[in-house]
């Protein structure tokens, strides 16, 4: 298909990725006051927010902006719900929509040039009712039990594990000081070869990069 120049601000199709500047996207009326589009490539209708975190939301952009800023700042779901006047379940759903969008963006990042790498460790929480929770309900592989992956911590001074095997490893990569940043959680404990394959290898252009790491 020959590319043409169209005077429009039509988005690309969020489903089949057909390009609007190739003439695939047509305007087809409105849905609840929102401009609706039709894709000639896949034959489906969509609006500008289809397959985004804003899909099927009735809240204002200002509310979303405040919620995103509070999420990035590390505020709790309850605090976000109270400040943005949302119910807890809605705040929980929004939080996971945003985190999923971050993950999709992170997965697409590639880096070259000078890249500094290091890992950080955070405690893994298993808080919840495990009699009714996923540890009892999930399909088990041979050798798996109903027990938690570690012994439960007691309240007080002994509730912090000193072992890295009880902590999630967050592997961080920074390009040229502060030009680009990427982080992933490949598993628990110190980095291993297979964890590097799932993080470092897929994000870095090997022929055009220098990786700077600590001794480990």
N, C-alpha and C. Protein backbone atom coordinates (compact mmCIF):
# COMPACT_ATOMS: atom_id res chain seq x y z
N UNK A 1 0.86 -1.18 0.00
CA UNK A 1 0.00 0.00 0.00
C UNK A 1 0.89 1.23 0.00
N UNK A 2 0.62 2.13 -0.91
CA UNK A 2 1.42 3.35 -1.00
C UNK A 2 1.03 4.29 0.12
N UNK A 3 2.04 4.88 0.76
CA UNK A 3 1.78 5.80 1.87
C UNK A 3 1.30 7.14 1.35
N UNK A 4 0.25 7.67 1.97
CA UNK A 4 -0.29 8.96 1.59
C UNK A 4 -0.17 9.91 2.77
N UNK A 5 -0.37 11.19 2.50
CA UNK A 5 -0.38 12.19 3.56
C UNK A 5 -1.82 12.57 3.85
N UNK A 6 -2.26 12.39 5.12
CA UNK A 6 -3.62 12.70 5.51
C UNK A 6 -3.60 13.82 6.53
N UNK A 7 -4.56 14.73 6.38
CA UNK A 7 -4.72 15.80 7.36
C UNK A 7 -5.64 15.29 8.47
N UNK A 8 -5.08 14.62 9.46
CA UNK A 8 -5.89 14.07 10.54
C UNK A 8 -5.02 13.86 11.77
N UNK A 9 -5.70 13.70 12.89
CA UNK A 9 -5.02 13.33 14.13
C UNK A 9 -5.52 11.99 14.61
N UNK A 10 -5.88 11.14 13.63
CA UNK A 10 -6.40 9.82 13.97
C UNK A 10 -5.29 8.92 14.52
N UNK A 11 -5.57 8.14 15.57
CA UNK A 11 -4.55 7.25 16.12
C UNK A 11 -4.42 5.99 15.28
N UNK A 12 -3.32 5.28 15.44
CA UNK A 12 -3.15 3.97 14.81
C UNK A 12 -4.06 2.97 15.51
N UNK A 13 -4.34 1.86 14.84
CA UNK A 13 -5.22 0.84 15.43
C UNK A 13 -4.52 0.19 16.62
N UNK A 14 -5.12 0.17 17.80
CA UNK A 14 -4.47 -0.42 18.98
C UNK A 14 -4.46 -1.95 18.95
N UNK A 15 -5.21 -2.54 18.01
CA UNK A 15 -5.30 -4.00 17.96
C UNK A 15 -4.37 -4.61 16.91
N UNK A 16 -4.49 -4.18 15.66
CA UNK A 16 -3.65 -4.76 14.60
C UNK A 16 -2.47 -3.86 14.24
N UNK A 17 -2.39 -2.67 14.87
CA UNK A 17 -1.30 -1.72 14.67
C UNK A 17 -1.28 -1.10 13.27
N UNK A 18 -2.40 -1.14 12.55
CA UNK A 18 -2.48 -0.51 11.24
C UNK A 18 -2.26 0.99 11.38
N UNK A 19 -1.54 1.61 10.44
CA UNK A 19 -1.15 3.00 10.53
C UNK A 19 -2.23 3.92 9.96
N UNK A 20 -2.51 5.00 10.69
CA UNK A 20 -3.51 5.95 10.21
C UNK A 20 -3.00 6.71 8.99
N UNK A 21 -1.68 6.95 8.90
CA UNK A 21 -1.16 7.68 7.75
C UNK A 21 -1.09 6.83 6.48
N UNK A 22 -1.49 5.56 6.59
CA UNK A 22 -1.60 4.70 5.41
C UNK A 22 -3.03 4.61 4.92
N UNK A 23 -3.94 5.34 5.58
CA UNK A 23 -5.32 5.38 5.14
C UNK A 23 -6.20 4.28 5.69
N UNK A 24 -5.73 3.55 6.73
CA UNK A 24 -6.51 2.44 7.27
C UNK A 24 -7.58 2.89 8.26
N UNK A 25 -7.43 4.05 8.86
CA UNK A 25 -8.30 4.46 9.96
C UNK A 25 -9.30 5.50 9.49
N UNK A 26 -10.59 5.23 9.77
CA UNK A 26 -11.67 6.14 9.39
C UNK A 26 -12.42 6.58 10.65
N UNK A 27 -12.93 7.81 10.62
CA UNK A 27 -13.80 8.27 11.70
C UNK A 27 -15.20 7.74 11.47
N UNK A 28 -15.81 7.17 12.51
CA UNK A 28 -17.15 6.59 12.39
C UNK A 28 -18.03 7.02 13.56
N UNK A 29 -18.41 8.28 13.60
CA UNK A 29 -19.36 8.76 14.60
C UNK A 29 -18.78 8.86 15.99
N UNK A 30 -19.70 8.88 16.97
CA UNK A 30 -19.29 9.07 18.36
C UNK A 30 -19.92 8.00 19.25
N UNK A 31 -19.25 7.65 20.31
CA UNK A 31 -19.74 6.70 21.30
C UNK A 31 -19.72 7.40 22.65
N UNK A 32 -20.91 7.75 23.17
CA UNK A 32 -21.05 8.49 24.43
C UNK A 32 -20.24 9.78 24.40
N UNK A 33 -20.31 10.47 23.28
CA UNK A 33 -19.63 11.75 23.14
C UNK A 33 -18.16 11.66 22.79
N UNK A 34 -17.63 10.45 22.61
CA UNK A 34 -16.21 10.25 22.30
C UNK A 34 -16.07 9.80 20.85
N UNK A 35 -15.13 10.40 20.12
CA UNK A 35 -14.90 10.05 18.73
C UNK A 35 -14.58 8.56 18.57
N UNK A 36 -15.30 7.91 17.65
CA UNK A 36 -15.07 6.49 17.39
C UNK A 36 -14.38 6.33 16.04
N UNK A 37 -13.49 5.31 15.96
CA UNK A 37 -12.73 5.06 14.74
C UNK A 37 -12.99 3.63 14.25
N UNK A 38 -12.79 3.45 12.94
CA UNK A 38 -12.94 2.13 12.32
C UNK A 38 -11.66 1.78 11.58
N UNK A 39 -11.16 0.57 11.81
CA UNK A 39 -9.93 0.10 11.15
C UNK A 39 -10.30 -0.77 9.95
N UNK A 40 -9.92 -0.36 8.75
CA UNK A 40 -10.21 -1.12 7.53
C UNK A 40 -9.36 -2.39 7.44
N UNK A 41 -8.28 -2.46 8.22
CA UNK A 41 -7.41 -3.63 8.14
C UNK A 41 -7.97 -4.82 8.93
N UNK A 42 -8.42 -4.56 10.18
CA UNK A 42 -8.95 -5.66 11.00
C UNK A 42 -10.47 -5.61 11.15
N UNK A 43 -11.10 -4.51 10.67
CA UNK A 43 -12.55 -4.42 10.69
C UNK A 43 -13.15 -4.19 12.06
N UNK A 44 -12.40 -3.60 12.99
CA UNK A 44 -12.90 -3.39 14.34
C UNK A 44 -12.96 -1.91 14.67
N UNK A 45 -13.86 -1.57 15.60
CA UNK A 45 -14.03 -0.19 16.05
C UNK A 45 -13.21 0.03 17.32
N UNK A 46 -12.80 1.27 17.54
CA UNK A 46 -12.07 1.61 18.75
C UNK A 46 -12.15 3.11 18.99
N UNK A 47 -11.79 3.51 20.21
CA UNK A 47 -11.66 4.93 20.55
C UNK A 47 -10.22 5.19 20.95
N UNK A 48 -9.89 6.44 21.19
CA UNK A 48 -8.49 6.80 21.45
C UNK A 48 -7.93 6.12 22.70
N UNK A 49 -8.80 5.75 23.66
CA UNK A 49 -8.31 5.16 24.91
C UNK A 49 -8.35 3.63 24.91
N UNK A 50 -8.74 3.00 23.79
CA UNK A 50 -8.79 1.54 23.73
C UNK A 50 -7.41 0.94 23.98
N UNK A 51 -7.36 -0.09 24.82
CA UNK A 51 -6.12 -0.79 25.18
C UNK A 51 -5.11 0.13 25.89
N UNK A 52 -5.61 1.14 26.59
CA UNK A 52 -4.75 1.98 27.42
C UNK A 52 -5.26 1.91 28.86
N UNK A 53 -4.51 2.50 29.79
CA UNK A 53 -4.94 2.48 31.19
C UNK A 53 -6.21 3.29 31.39
N UNK A 54 -6.56 4.15 30.43
CA UNK A 54 -7.74 5.02 30.57
C UNK A 54 -9.00 4.39 29.99
N UNK A 55 -8.92 3.16 29.49
CA UNK A 55 -10.08 2.52 28.89
C UNK A 55 -11.17 2.27 29.93
N UNK A 56 -12.42 2.56 29.56
CA UNK A 56 -13.60 2.32 30.41
C UNK A 56 -13.55 3.09 31.73
N UNK A 57 -12.91 4.23 31.75
CA UNK A 57 -12.89 5.04 32.96
C UNK A 57 -13.77 6.27 32.79
N UNK A 58 -14.43 6.67 33.86
CA UNK A 58 -15.31 7.84 33.84
C UNK A 58 -14.70 9.01 34.61
N UNK A 59 -13.51 8.83 35.14
CA UNK A 59 -12.88 9.87 35.94
C UNK A 59 -12.15 10.88 35.06
N UNK A 60 -11.93 12.07 35.59
CA UNK A 60 -11.31 13.15 34.84
C UNK A 60 -9.81 12.91 34.69
N UNK A 61 -9.19 13.52 33.66
CA UNK A 61 -7.73 13.42 33.51
C UNK A 61 -6.96 13.93 34.72
N UNK A 62 -7.50 14.95 35.40
CA UNK A 62 -6.82 15.48 36.58
C UNK A 62 -6.76 14.43 37.70
N UNK A 63 -7.83 13.63 37.84
CA UNK A 63 -7.83 12.58 38.85
C UNK A 63 -6.80 11.52 38.52
N UNK A 64 -6.71 11.16 37.24
CA UNK A 64 -5.71 10.18 36.81
C UNK A 64 -4.30 10.72 37.05
N UNK A 65 -4.07 11.99 36.73
CA UNK A 65 -2.76 12.59 36.90
C UNK A 65 -2.33 12.56 38.35
N UNK A 66 -3.26 12.91 39.26
CA UNK A 66 -2.95 12.88 40.69
C UNK A 66 -2.65 11.45 41.15
N UNK A 67 -3.43 10.49 40.66
CA UNK A 67 -3.24 9.10 41.05
C UNK A 67 -1.89 8.57 40.57
N UNK A 68 -1.51 8.89 39.34
CA UNK A 68 -0.22 8.45 38.80
C UNK A 68 0.93 9.03 39.61
N UNK A 69 0.84 10.33 39.93
CA UNK A 69 1.90 10.97 40.71
C UNK A 69 2.02 10.33 42.09
N UNK A 70 0.90 10.00 42.73
CA UNK A 70 0.95 9.37 44.05
C UNK A 70 1.49 7.96 43.96
N UNK A 71 1.18 7.25 42.87
CA UNK A 71 1.70 5.89 42.69
C UNK A 71 3.21 5.92 42.54
N UNK A 72 3.72 6.84 41.72
CA UNK A 72 5.16 6.96 41.52
C UNK A 72 5.86 7.35 42.82
N UNK A 73 5.17 8.15 43.63
CA UNK A 73 5.75 8.58 44.91
C UNK A 73 5.71 7.48 45.97
N UNK A 74 5.09 6.34 45.66
CA UNK A 74 5.07 5.21 46.58
C UNK A 74 3.97 5.24 47.62
N UNK A 75 2.92 6.04 47.38
CA UNK A 75 1.81 6.10 48.33
C UNK A 75 1.00 4.80 48.31
N UNK A 76 0.39 4.48 49.43
CA UNK A 76 -0.40 3.25 49.53
C UNK A 76 -1.69 3.36 48.72
N UNK A 77 -2.29 2.22 48.43
CA UNK A 77 -3.56 2.20 47.69
C UNK A 77 -4.64 2.94 48.48
N UNK A 78 -4.66 2.74 49.79
CA UNK A 78 -5.67 3.42 50.62
C UNK A 78 -5.49 4.94 50.57
N UNK A 79 -4.24 5.40 50.64
CA UNK A 79 -3.98 6.84 50.59
C UNK A 79 -4.38 7.42 49.23
N UNK A 80 -4.08 6.70 48.15
CA UNK A 80 -4.47 7.14 46.81
C UNK A 80 -5.98 7.21 46.67
N UNK A 81 -6.67 6.20 47.22
CA UNK A 81 -8.13 6.16 47.13
C UNK A 81 -8.75 7.33 47.87
N UNK A 82 -8.25 7.63 49.05
CA UNK A 82 -8.81 8.74 49.84
C UNK A 82 -8.55 10.08 49.17
N UNK A 83 -7.34 10.29 48.67
CA UNK A 83 -6.98 11.57 48.06
C UNK A 83 -7.72 11.79 46.74
N UNK A 84 -7.92 10.73 45.97
CA UNK A 84 -8.56 10.85 44.65
C UNK A 84 -10.06 10.56 44.69
N UNK A 85 -10.58 10.30 45.90
CA UNK A 85 -12.01 10.03 46.10
C UNK A 85 -12.45 8.82 45.28
N UNK A 86 -11.73 7.71 45.47
CA UNK A 86 -12.04 6.44 44.80
C UNK A 86 -12.30 5.38 45.87
N UNK A 87 -13.01 4.32 45.47
CA UNK A 87 -13.14 3.18 46.38
C UNK A 87 -11.84 2.38 46.30
N UNK A 88 -11.60 1.55 47.32
CA UNK A 88 -10.36 0.78 47.41
C UNK A 88 -10.18 -0.13 46.18
N UNK A 89 -11.26 -0.78 45.75
CA UNK A 89 -11.16 -1.70 44.61
C UNK A 89 -10.77 -0.97 43.33
N UNK A 90 -11.34 0.23 43.11
CA UNK A 90 -10.98 1.00 41.93
C UNK A 90 -9.51 1.42 41.99
N UNK A 91 -9.06 1.86 43.15
CA UNK A 91 -7.66 2.24 43.31
C UNK A 91 -6.73 1.06 43.06
N UNK A 92 -7.14 -0.13 43.53
CA UNK A 92 -6.36 -1.34 43.31
C UNK A 92 -6.27 -1.65 41.83
N UNK A 93 -7.39 -1.55 41.11
CA UNK A 93 -7.41 -1.83 39.66
C UNK A 93 -6.56 -0.82 38.90
N UNK A 94 -6.71 0.47 39.26
CA UNK A 94 -5.91 1.50 38.59
C UNK A 94 -4.42 1.26 38.82
N UNK A 95 -4.04 0.91 40.06
CA UNK A 95 -2.62 0.69 40.38
C UNK A 95 -2.03 -0.39 39.47
N UNK A 96 -2.77 -1.48 39.27
CA UNK A 96 -2.24 -2.57 38.46
C UNK A 96 -2.27 -2.25 36.97
N UNK A 97 -3.20 -1.42 36.53
CA UNK A 97 -3.17 -0.94 35.14
C UNK A 97 -1.90 -0.14 34.88
N UNK A 98 -1.57 0.74 35.81
CA UNK A 98 -0.39 1.60 35.66
C UNK A 98 0.89 0.76 35.70
N UNK A 99 0.98 -0.16 36.65
CA UNK A 99 2.17 -1.00 36.76
C UNK A 99 2.35 -1.86 35.51
N UNK A 100 1.25 -2.35 34.95
CA UNK A 100 1.34 -3.15 33.73
C UNK A 100 1.82 -2.30 32.56
N UNK A 101 1.35 -1.04 32.50
CA UNK A 101 1.80 -0.14 31.43
C UNK A 101 3.29 0.14 31.57
N UNK A 102 3.77 0.32 32.82
CA UNK A 102 5.20 0.50 33.04
C UNK A 102 5.99 -0.72 32.56
N UNK A 103 5.47 -1.90 32.85
CA UNK A 103 6.18 -3.13 32.49
C UNK A 103 6.27 -3.27 30.97
N UNK A 104 5.16 -2.99 30.26
CA UNK A 104 5.17 -3.08 28.80
C UNK A 104 6.21 -2.13 28.23
N UNK A 105 6.28 -0.92 28.79
CA UNK A 105 7.27 0.05 28.33
C UNK A 105 8.69 -0.43 28.61
N UNK A 106 8.92 -0.95 29.81
CA UNK A 106 10.25 -1.43 30.17
C UNK A 106 10.70 -2.58 29.28
N UNK A 107 9.77 -3.47 28.93
CA UNK A 107 10.12 -4.63 28.11
C UNK A 107 10.60 -4.24 26.72
N UNK A 108 10.20 -3.07 26.24
CA UNK A 108 10.56 -2.64 24.89
C UNK A 108 11.85 -1.83 24.83
N UNK A 109 12.47 -1.55 25.97
CA UNK A 109 13.66 -0.70 26.00
C UNK A 109 14.90 -1.47 25.54
N UNK A 110 15.68 -0.85 24.66
CA UNK A 110 17.01 -1.37 24.30
C UNK A 110 18.03 -0.27 24.53
N UNK A 111 19.24 -0.66 24.94
CA UNK A 111 20.28 0.31 25.29
C UNK A 111 21.58 -0.01 24.56
N UNK A 112 22.38 1.05 24.36
CA UNK A 112 23.74 0.88 23.85
C UNK A 112 24.64 1.90 24.54
N UNK A 113 25.88 2.03 24.05
CA UNK A 113 26.84 2.97 24.60
C UNK A 113 27.29 2.50 26.00
N UNK A 114 27.46 3.41 26.94
CA UNK A 114 27.95 3.08 28.28
C UNK A 114 26.79 2.79 29.21
N UNK A 115 26.75 1.59 29.78
CA UNK A 115 25.62 1.15 30.60
C UNK A 115 26.13 0.68 31.95
N UNK A 116 25.64 1.29 33.01
CA UNK A 116 25.98 0.90 34.38
C UNK A 116 24.88 -0.01 34.93
N UNK A 117 25.27 -1.11 35.55
CA UNK A 117 24.30 -2.07 36.06
C UNK A 117 24.60 -2.40 37.52
N UNK A 118 23.54 -2.66 38.27
CA UNK A 118 23.69 -3.08 39.66
C UNK A 118 22.34 -3.64 40.12
N UNK A 119 22.35 -4.34 41.26
CA UNK A 119 21.11 -4.90 41.77
C UNK A 119 20.79 -4.31 43.13
N UNK A 120 19.48 -4.31 43.45
CA UNK A 120 18.99 -3.90 44.77
C UNK A 120 18.11 -5.02 45.30
N UNK A 121 17.94 -5.08 46.61
CA UNK A 121 17.15 -6.15 47.22
C UNK A 121 16.05 -5.56 48.10
N UNK A 122 14.85 -6.14 47.97
CA UNK A 122 13.71 -5.71 48.76
C UNK A 122 13.04 -6.93 49.38
N UNK A 123 12.58 -6.83 50.63
CA UNK A 123 11.89 -7.96 51.26
C UNK A 123 10.64 -8.36 50.47
N UNK A 124 10.36 -9.64 50.43
CA UNK A 124 9.17 -10.16 49.77
C UNK A 124 8.09 -10.38 50.82
N UNK A 125 6.92 -9.79 50.61
CA UNK A 125 5.83 -9.92 51.57
C UNK A 125 4.87 -11.02 51.16
N UNK A 126 4.52 -11.89 52.10
CA UNK A 126 3.52 -12.93 51.87
C UNK A 126 2.31 -12.70 52.77
N UNK A 127 2.04 -11.42 53.06
CA UNK A 127 0.93 -11.07 53.93
C UNK A 127 -0.39 -11.50 53.30
N UNK A 128 -1.28 -12.08 54.09
CA UNK A 128 -2.59 -12.47 53.58
C UNK A 128 -3.10 -13.72 54.24
N UNK A 129 -4.31 -14.14 53.86
CA UNK A 129 -4.94 -15.35 54.38
C UNK A 129 -4.57 -16.51 53.46
N UNK A 130 -3.55 -17.29 53.84
CA UNK A 130 -3.06 -18.33 52.95
C UNK A 130 -3.90 -19.60 53.00
N UNK A 131 -4.84 -19.70 53.96
CA UNK A 131 -5.76 -20.84 53.96
C UNK A 131 -6.67 -20.76 52.75
N UNK A 132 -7.09 -19.53 52.39
CA UNK A 132 -7.96 -19.33 51.24
C UNK A 132 -7.19 -18.76 50.04
N UNK A 133 -5.92 -18.49 50.22
CA UNK A 133 -5.18 -17.78 49.18
C UNK A 133 -4.55 -18.67 48.14
N UNK A 134 -3.66 -18.06 47.33
CA UNK A 134 -3.12 -18.73 46.16
C UNK A 134 -2.23 -19.90 46.49
N UNK A 135 -1.60 -19.93 47.69
CA UNK A 135 -0.71 -21.03 48.01
C UNK A 135 -1.49 -22.35 48.13
N UNK A 136 -2.76 -22.28 48.54
CA UNK A 136 -3.56 -23.49 48.65
C UNK A 136 -4.34 -23.79 47.38
N UNK A 137 -4.69 -22.75 46.61
CA UNK A 137 -5.58 -22.94 45.47
C UNK A 137 -4.87 -23.17 44.15
N UNK A 138 -3.60 -22.81 44.06
CA UNK A 138 -2.93 -22.93 42.78
C UNK A 138 -2.62 -24.39 42.44
N UNK A 139 -2.47 -24.66 41.14
CA UNK A 139 -2.08 -25.99 40.69
C UNK A 139 -0.62 -26.23 41.03
N UNK A 140 -0.33 -27.34 41.68
CA UNK A 140 1.00 -27.54 42.20
C UNK A 140 1.84 -28.46 41.30
N UNK A 141 3.10 -28.14 41.24
CA UNK A 141 4.05 -28.99 40.56
C UNK A 141 4.55 -30.05 41.53
N UNK A 142 5.11 -31.16 41.02
CA UNK A 142 5.64 -32.20 41.93
C UNK A 142 6.65 -31.63 42.90
N UNK A 143 6.49 -31.98 44.18
CA UNK A 143 7.41 -31.53 45.20
C UNK A 143 6.98 -30.27 45.91
N UNK A 144 5.93 -29.58 45.39
CA UNK A 144 5.47 -28.36 46.02
C UNK A 144 4.56 -28.69 47.19
N UNK A 145 4.56 -27.85 48.21
CA UNK A 145 3.73 -28.08 49.39
C UNK A 145 2.85 -26.87 49.63
N UNK A 146 2.02 -26.94 50.68
CA UNK A 146 1.17 -25.83 51.06
C UNK A 146 1.90 -24.79 51.89
N UNK A 147 3.15 -25.04 52.21
CA UNK A 147 3.89 -24.14 53.07
C UNK A 147 4.34 -22.89 52.31
N UNK A 148 4.57 -21.82 53.06
CA UNK A 148 5.14 -20.61 52.46
C UNK A 148 6.57 -20.90 52.02
N UNK A 149 7.10 -20.10 51.07
CA UNK A 149 8.49 -20.31 50.63
C UNK A 149 9.50 -20.12 51.75
N UNK A 150 9.12 -19.48 52.84
CA UNK A 150 10.00 -19.30 53.99
C UNK A 150 9.17 -19.33 55.26
N UNK A 151 9.81 -19.41 56.41
CA UNK A 151 9.11 -19.36 57.68
C UNK A 151 8.56 -17.95 57.90
N UNK A 152 7.42 -17.86 58.53
CA UNK A 152 6.83 -16.55 58.79
C UNK A 152 7.66 -15.79 59.81
N UNK A 153 7.74 -14.47 59.61
CA UNK A 153 8.49 -13.63 60.54
C UNK A 153 7.61 -13.26 61.73
N UNK A 154 8.22 -13.14 62.90
CA UNK A 154 7.51 -12.70 64.08
C UNK A 154 7.56 -11.18 64.17
N UNK A 155 6.61 -10.63 64.93
CA UNK A 155 6.64 -9.18 65.15
C UNK A 155 7.83 -8.81 66.02
N UNK A 156 8.38 -7.64 65.77
CA UNK A 156 9.48 -7.18 66.60
C UNK A 156 10.80 -7.12 65.86
N UNK A 157 11.88 -7.25 66.61
CA UNK A 157 13.21 -7.00 66.06
C UNK A 157 13.70 -8.12 65.15
N UNK A 158 13.07 -9.31 65.19
CA UNK A 158 13.58 -10.43 64.39
C UNK A 158 12.79 -10.61 63.10
N UNK A 159 12.07 -9.57 62.66
CA UNK A 159 11.23 -9.74 61.48
C UNK A 159 11.93 -9.36 60.18
N UNK A 160 13.26 -9.19 60.23
CA UNK A 160 13.99 -8.87 59.01
C UNK A 160 14.97 -9.99 58.70
N UNK A 161 14.82 -10.55 57.50
CA UNK A 161 15.70 -11.64 57.10
C UNK A 161 17.04 -11.09 56.63
N UNK A 162 18.12 -11.75 57.01
CA UNK A 162 19.45 -11.35 56.56
C UNK A 162 19.85 -12.08 55.30
N UNK A 163 19.09 -13.07 54.88
CA UNK A 163 19.43 -13.86 53.69
C UNK A 163 18.88 -13.19 52.43
N UNK A 164 19.70 -13.12 51.38
CA UNK A 164 19.24 -12.54 50.11
C UNK A 164 18.23 -13.45 49.43
N UNK A 165 18.19 -14.73 49.81
CA UNK A 165 17.23 -15.66 49.20
C UNK A 165 15.79 -15.37 49.60
N UNK A 166 15.59 -14.54 50.61
CA UNK A 166 14.26 -14.14 51.03
C UNK A 166 13.88 -12.76 50.48
N UNK A 167 14.71 -12.23 49.58
CA UNK A 167 14.46 -10.89 49.06
C UNK A 167 14.41 -10.89 47.53
N UNK A 168 13.54 -10.04 46.99
CA UNK A 168 13.44 -9.89 45.54
C UNK A 168 14.61 -9.09 45.02
N UNK A 169 15.19 -9.55 43.93
CA UNK A 169 16.31 -8.85 43.30
C UNK A 169 15.76 -7.93 42.22
N UNK A 170 16.07 -6.65 42.31
CA UNK A 170 15.69 -5.67 41.29
C UNK A 170 16.96 -5.28 40.54
N UNK A 171 17.03 -5.66 39.28
CA UNK A 171 18.23 -5.41 38.47
C UNK A 171 18.05 -4.09 37.71
N UNK A 172 18.96 -3.15 37.92
CA UNK A 172 18.84 -1.80 37.36
C UNK A 172 19.91 -1.55 36.32
N UNK A 173 19.52 -0.87 35.24
CA UNK A 173 20.43 -0.49 34.15
C UNK A 173 20.25 0.98 33.83
N UNK A 174 21.37 1.73 33.76
CA UNK A 174 21.33 3.16 33.46
C UNK A 174 22.27 3.43 32.29
N UNK A 175 21.75 4.15 31.28
CA UNK A 175 22.55 4.47 30.10
C UNK A 175 23.14 5.87 30.22
N UNK A 176 24.45 5.97 30.02
CA UNK A 176 25.16 7.26 29.98
C UNK A 176 24.82 8.18 31.15
N UNK A 177 24.86 7.63 32.35
CA UNK A 177 24.63 8.44 33.55
C UNK A 177 23.17 8.59 33.91
N UNK A 178 22.39 9.27 33.06
CA UNK A 178 20.96 9.44 33.36
C UNK A 178 20.11 9.56 32.09
N UNK A 179 20.65 9.14 30.96
CA UNK A 179 19.92 9.29 29.69
C UNK A 179 18.73 8.35 29.58
N UNK A 180 18.88 7.13 30.09
CA UNK A 180 17.79 6.15 30.02
C UNK A 180 17.94 5.19 31.20
N UNK A 181 16.78 4.74 31.71
CA UNK A 181 16.78 3.87 32.89
C UNK A 181 15.86 2.68 32.64
N UNK A 182 16.27 1.52 33.12
CA UNK A 182 15.44 0.32 33.01
C UNK A 182 15.67 -0.54 34.24
N UNK A 183 14.61 -1.17 34.74
CA UNK A 183 14.73 -2.05 35.91
C UNK A 183 13.77 -3.22 35.76
N UNK A 184 14.21 -4.39 36.19
CA UNK A 184 13.36 -5.59 36.14
C UNK A 184 13.59 -6.41 37.40
N UNK A 185 12.63 -7.30 37.67
CA UNK A 185 12.73 -8.22 38.81
C UNK A 185 12.88 -9.62 38.24
N UNK A 186 14.11 -10.11 38.08
CA UNK A 186 14.31 -11.43 37.47
C UNK A 186 14.08 -12.59 38.41
N UNK A 187 14.05 -12.34 39.73
CA UNK A 187 13.85 -13.43 40.68
C UNK A 187 14.25 -13.01 42.07
N UNK A 188 14.58 -13.99 42.91
CA UNK A 188 15.02 -13.71 44.28
C UNK A 188 16.47 -14.12 44.44
N UNK A 189 17.14 -13.48 45.37
CA UNK A 189 18.55 -13.79 45.63
C UNK A 189 19.48 -13.08 44.65
N UNK A 190 20.77 -13.38 44.79
CA UNK A 190 21.78 -12.74 43.94
C UNK A 190 21.60 -13.15 42.48
N UNK A 191 22.09 -12.28 41.58
CA UNK A 191 21.96 -12.53 40.14
C UNK A 191 22.68 -13.81 39.74
N UNK A 192 22.00 -14.58 38.89
CA UNK A 192 22.59 -15.81 38.34
C UNK A 192 22.61 -15.69 36.81
N UNK A 193 23.25 -16.63 36.16
CA UNK A 193 23.42 -16.54 34.70
C UNK A 193 22.08 -16.47 33.97
N UNK A 194 21.13 -17.33 34.38
CA UNK A 194 19.84 -17.33 33.68
C UNK A 194 19.07 -16.03 33.95
N UNK A 195 19.28 -15.40 35.11
CA UNK A 195 18.63 -14.13 35.41
C UNK A 195 19.21 -13.02 34.54
N UNK A 196 20.52 -13.08 34.26
CA UNK A 196 21.15 -12.11 33.37
C UNK A 196 20.62 -12.27 31.94
N UNK A 197 20.39 -13.51 31.52
CA UNK A 197 19.85 -13.75 30.18
C UNK A 197 18.47 -13.10 30.02
N UNK A 198 17.68 -13.09 31.11
CA UNK A 198 16.32 -12.55 31.04
C UNK A 198 16.26 -11.04 31.23
N UNK A 199 17.38 -10.41 31.56
CA UNK A 199 17.39 -8.96 31.79
C UNK A 199 18.42 -8.28 30.92
N UNK A 200 19.69 -8.46 31.26
CA UNK A 200 20.77 -7.78 30.55
C UNK A 200 20.78 -8.11 29.06
N UNK A 201 20.69 -9.38 28.72
CA UNK A 201 20.86 -9.82 27.33
C UNK A 201 19.79 -9.26 26.40
N UNK A 202 18.56 -9.14 26.88
CA UNK A 202 17.48 -8.71 25.98
C UNK A 202 17.36 -7.20 25.86
N UNK A 203 18.04 -6.44 26.73
CA UNK A 203 17.92 -4.99 26.71
C UNK A 203 19.14 -4.28 26.10
N UNK A 204 20.25 -4.97 25.94
CA UNK A 204 21.49 -4.30 25.54
C UNK A 204 21.94 -4.74 24.15
N UNK A 205 22.32 -3.76 23.33
CA UNK A 205 22.88 -4.03 22.00
C UNK A 205 24.34 -4.44 22.19
N UNK A 206 24.63 -5.70 21.97
CA UNK A 206 25.93 -6.25 22.36
C UNK A 206 27.10 -5.66 21.57
N UNK A 207 26.90 -5.33 20.29
CA UNK A 207 28.00 -4.88 19.44
C UNK A 207 28.35 -3.41 19.65
N UNK A 208 27.56 -2.69 20.43
CA UNK A 208 27.76 -1.25 20.57
C UNK A 208 27.61 -0.80 22.01
N UNK A 209 28.11 -1.62 22.95
CA UNK A 209 27.88 -1.30 24.36
C UNK A 209 29.09 -1.65 25.21
N UNK A 210 29.26 -0.86 26.28
CA UNK A 210 30.22 -1.18 27.33
C UNK A 210 29.43 -1.26 28.63
N UNK A 211 29.48 -2.40 29.31
CA UNK A 211 28.73 -2.62 30.53
C UNK A 211 29.66 -2.46 31.72
N UNK A 212 29.26 -1.60 32.65
CA UNK A 212 30.05 -1.33 33.86
C UNK A 212 29.32 -1.92 35.06
N UNK A 213 29.97 -2.83 35.76
CA UNK A 213 29.32 -3.51 36.89
C UNK A 213 30.30 -3.61 38.05
N UNK A 214 29.79 -4.03 39.22
CA UNK A 214 30.68 -4.26 40.34
C UNK A 214 31.35 -5.63 40.19
N UNK A 215 32.16 -5.98 41.15
CA UNK A 215 32.95 -7.21 41.01
C UNK A 215 32.07 -8.45 40.90
N UNK A 216 30.98 -8.48 41.67
CA UNK A 216 30.12 -9.67 41.64
C UNK A 216 29.48 -9.82 40.26
